[in-house]
Amino acid sequence: MKLLDEHPAIYGYFTPQTLRSLFEQSGLQVVGMMEAHYVDNPKALKDMGLRGVLSFMIRAYPKILLQLLRDARIRQAGRVDDQVTKRGKEYMGYVLIVGQKPA
């Protein structure tokens, strides 16, 4: 898939090290950094609690569903996103970097 061949998150452009360098190049001092590798679907109920999930479903889900029904581009984007995740998840993850301006 051509998209995967060009996706910067999969082919090393946005590695934890390059992101740290961008922080430092912008004049920030890195005070903390934590990496998390790709994790399968989050457990929404556990993460958000029953109240949070119900609130999301009531407020956001109808809008999302309406967009999916109206706009074919959103459905296509979802299919592409699923393919990127499926084929690239061993390379994907997250990094949390905390920086501060030097004193």
C-alpha atoms as a PDB file:
ATOM      1  CA  MET A   1       0.000   0.000   0.000  1.00  0.00           C
ATOM      2  CA  LYS A   2       1.513   3.281  -1.116  1.00  0.00           C
ATOM      3  CA  LEU A   3       0.114   5.169   1.875  1.00  0.00           C
ATOM      4  CA  LEU A   4       2.145   2.993   4.234  1.00  0.00           C
ATOM      5  CA  ASP A   5       5.271   3.563   2.171  1.00  0.00           C
ATOM      6  CA  GLU A   6       4.892   7.297   2.755  1.00  0.00           C
ATOM      7  CA  HIS A   7       3.515   7.347   6.297  1.00  0.00           C
ATOM      8  CA  PRO A   8       6.061   9.174   8.500  1.00  0.00           C
ATOM      9  CA  ALA A   9       4.959   7.516  11.742  1.00  0.00           C
ATOM     10  CA  ILE A  10       5.738   4.078  10.338  1.00  0.00           C
ATOM     11  CA  TYR A  11       9.005   4.753   8.612  1.00  0.00           C
ATOM     12  CA  GLY A  12      10.923   6.392  11.401  1.00  0.00           C
ATOM     13  CA  TYR A  13      10.461  10.113  10.945  1.00  0.00           C
ATOM     14  CA  PHE A  14       8.581  10.654  14.180  1.00  0.00           C
ATOM     15  CA  THR A  15      10.630   8.480  16.493  1.00  0.00           C
ATOM     16  CA  PRO A  16      10.960   9.336  20.185  1.00  0.00           C
ATOM     17  CA  GLN A  17      14.522  10.461  19.484  1.00  0.00           C
ATOM     18  CA  THR A  18      13.588  12.785  16.609  1.00  0.00           C
ATOM     19  CA  LEU A  19      10.734  14.272  18.638  1.00  0.00           C
ATOM     20  CA  ARG A  20      13.111  14.883  21.556  1.00  0.00           C
ATOM     21  CA  SER A  21      15.516  16.589  19.146  1.00  0.00           C
ATOM     22  CA  LEU A  22      12.717  18.851  17.905  1.00  0.00           C
ATOM     23  CA  PHE A  23      11.967  19.861  21.507  1.00  0.00           C
ATOM     24  CA  GLU A  24      15.619  20.616  22.157  1.00  0.00           C
ATOM     25  CA  GLN A  25      16.094  22.458  18.844  1.00  0.00           C
ATOM     26  CA  SER A  26      13.190  24.719  19.757  1.00  0.00           C
ATOM     27  CA  GLY A  27      14.998  25.717  22.946  1.00  0.00           C
ATOM     28  CA  LEU A  28      13.097  23.547  25.416  1.00  0.00           C
ATOM     29  CA  GLN A  29      14.793  21.493  28.091  1.00  0.00           C
ATOM     30  CA  VAL A  30      13.376  17.957  28.202  1.00  0.00           C
ATOM     31  CA  VAL A  31      12.500  17.172  31.826  1.00  0.00           C
ATOM     32  CA  GLY A  32      10.639  13.926  31.235  1.00  0.00           C
ATOM     33  CA  MET A  33       9.939  11.449  28.479  1.00  0.00           C
ATOM     34  CA  MET A  34       7.846   8.283  28.459  1.00  0.00           C
ATOM     35  CA  GLU A  35       7.239   5.884  25.560  1.00  0.00           C
ATOM     36  CA  ALA A  36       4.257   3.610  25.098  1.00  0.00           C
ATOM     37  CA  HIS A  37       4.089   1.121  22.275  1.00  0.00           C
ATOM     38  CA  TYR A  38       0.925   0.491  20.313  1.00  0.00           C
ATOM     39  CA  VAL A  39      -1.885  -0.922  22.401  1.00  0.00           C
ATOM     40  CA  ASP A  40      -4.941  -2.586  20.901  1.00  0.00           C
ATOM     41  CA  ASN A  41      -8.345  -0.972  21.285  1.00  0.00           C
ATOM     42  CA  PRO A  42      -8.634   0.922  24.557  1.00  0.00           C
ATOM     43  CA  LYS A  43     -11.159  -0.328  27.019  1.00  0.00           C
ATOM     44  CA  ALA A  44     -13.470   2.675  26.956  1.00  0.00           C
ATOM     45  CA  LEU A  45     -15.597   1.550  29.855  1.00  0.00           C
ATOM     46  CA  LYS A  46     -12.566   1.061  32.071  1.00  0.00           C
ATOM     47  CA  ASP A  47     -10.878   4.293  30.939  1.00  0.00           C
ATOM     48  CA  MET A  48     -13.932   6.573  30.858  1.00  0.00           C
ATOM     49  CA  GLY A  49     -16.296   4.889  33.291  1.00  0.00           C
ATOM     50  CA  LEU A  50     -19.923   4.117  32.569  1.00  0.00           C
ATOM     51  CA  ARG A  51     -20.986   7.745  32.925  1.00  0.00           C
ATOM     52  CA  GLY A  52     -18.297   8.925  30.480  1.00  0.00           C
ATOM     53  CA  VAL A  53     -19.184   6.306  27.870  1.00  0.00           C
ATOM     54  CA  LEU A  54     -22.894   7.082  28.113  1.00  0.00           C
ATOM     55  CA  SER A  55     -22.221  10.802  27.896  1.00  0.00           C
ATOM     56  CA  PHE A  56     -20.113  10.267  24.785  1.00  0.00           C
ATOM     57  CA  MET A  57     -22.744   8.057  23.193  1.00  0.00           C
ATOM     58  CA  ILE A  58     -25.504  10.596  23.816  1.00  0.00           C
ATOM     59  CA  ARG A  59     -23.541  13.698  22.770  1.00  0.00           C
ATOM     60  CA  ALA A  60     -21.124  12.580  20.075  1.00  0.00           C
ATOM     61  CA  TYR A  61     -22.279   9.336  18.528  1.00  0.00           C
ATOM     62  CA  PRO A  62     -25.334  10.706  16.670  1.00  0.00           C
ATOM     63  CA  LYS A  63     -23.161  13.406  15.065  1.00  0.00           C
ATOM     64  CA  ILE A  64     -20.533  10.856  14.044  1.00  0.00           C
ATOM     65  CA  LEU A  65     -23.162   8.509  12.640  1.00  0.00           C
ATOM     66  CA  LEU A  66     -24.753  11.333  10.643  1.00  0.00           C
ATOM     67  CA  GLN A  67     -21.376  12.264   9.165  1.00  0.00           C
ATOM     68  CA  LEU A  68     -20.699   8.640   8.241  1.00  0.00           C
ATOM     69  CA  LEU A  69     -24.040   8.450   6.438  1.00  0.00           C
ATOM     70  CA  ARG A  70     -23.594  11.773   4.634  1.00  0.00           C
ATOM     71  CA  ASP A  71     -19.923  11.842   3.658  1.00  0.00           C
ATOM     72  CA  ALA A  72     -18.248   8.987   1.742  1.00  0.00           C
ATOM     73  CA  ARG A  73     -14.824  10.577   2.386  1.00  0.00           C
ATOM     74  CA  ILE A  74     -15.163   9.861   6.091  1.00  0.00           C
ATOM     75  CA  ARG A  75     -15.972   6.207   5.417  1.00  0.00           C
ATOM     76  CA  GLN A  76     -12.961   5.973   3.051  1.00  0.00           C
ATOM     77  CA  ALA A  77     -10.707   7.653   5.626  1.00  0.00           C
ATOM     78  CA  GLY A  78     -11.861   5.116   8.212  1.00  0.00           C
ATOM     79  CA  ARG A  79     -10.971   2.217   5.910  1.00  0.00           C
ATOM     80  CA  VAL A  80      -7.523   3.689   5.185  1.00  0.00           C
ATOM     81  CA  ASP A  81      -6.951   4.322   8.883  1.00  0.00           C
ATOM     82  CA  ASP A  82      -7.893   0.721   9.688  1.00  0.00           C
ATOM     83  CA  GLN A  83      -5.387  -0.551   7.093  1.00  0.00           C
ATOM     84  CA  VAL A  84      -2.612   1.695   8.418  1.00  0.00           C
ATOM     85  CA  THR A  85      -3.270   0.510  11.961  1.00  0.00           C
ATOM     86  CA  LYS A  86      -3.466  -3.157  10.985  1.00  0.00           C
ATOM     87  CA  ARG A  87      -0.284  -3.155   8.908  1.00  0.00           C
ATOM     88  CA  GLY A  88       1.737  -0.675  10.930  1.00  0.00           C
ATOM     89  CA  LYS A  89       0.836  -1.301  14.553  1.00  0.00           C
ATOM     90  CA  GLU A  90       4.102  -3.064  15.335  1.00  0.00           C
ATOM     91  CA  TYR A  91       5.893   0.190  14.463  1.00  0.00           C
ATOM     92  CA  MET A  92       3.476   2.617  16.099  1.00  0.00           C
ATOM     93  CA  GLY A  93       3.332   3.958  19.606  1.00  0.00           C
ATOM     94  CA  TYR A  94       3.159   7.123  21.631  1.00  0.00           C
ATOM     95  CA  VAL A  95       5.632   9.308  23.395  1.00  0.00           C
ATOM     96  CA  LEU A  96       4.915  11.862  26.090  1.00  0.00           C
ATOM     97  CA  ILE A  97       7.574  14.530  26.330  1.00  0.00           C
ATOM     98  CA  VAL A  98       7.529  17.205  29.016  1.00  0.00           C
ATOM     99  CA  GLY A  99       9.655  20.246  28.350  1.00  0.00           C
ATOM    100  CA  GLN A 100      10.244  23.599  29.899  1.00  0.00           C
ATOM    101  CA  LYS A 101      11.946  26.823  28.974  1.00  0.00           C
ATOM    102  CA  PRO A 102      15.430  26.994  30.489  1.00  0.00           C
ATOM    103  CA  ALA A 103      15.617  29.194  33.584  1.00  0.00           C
END
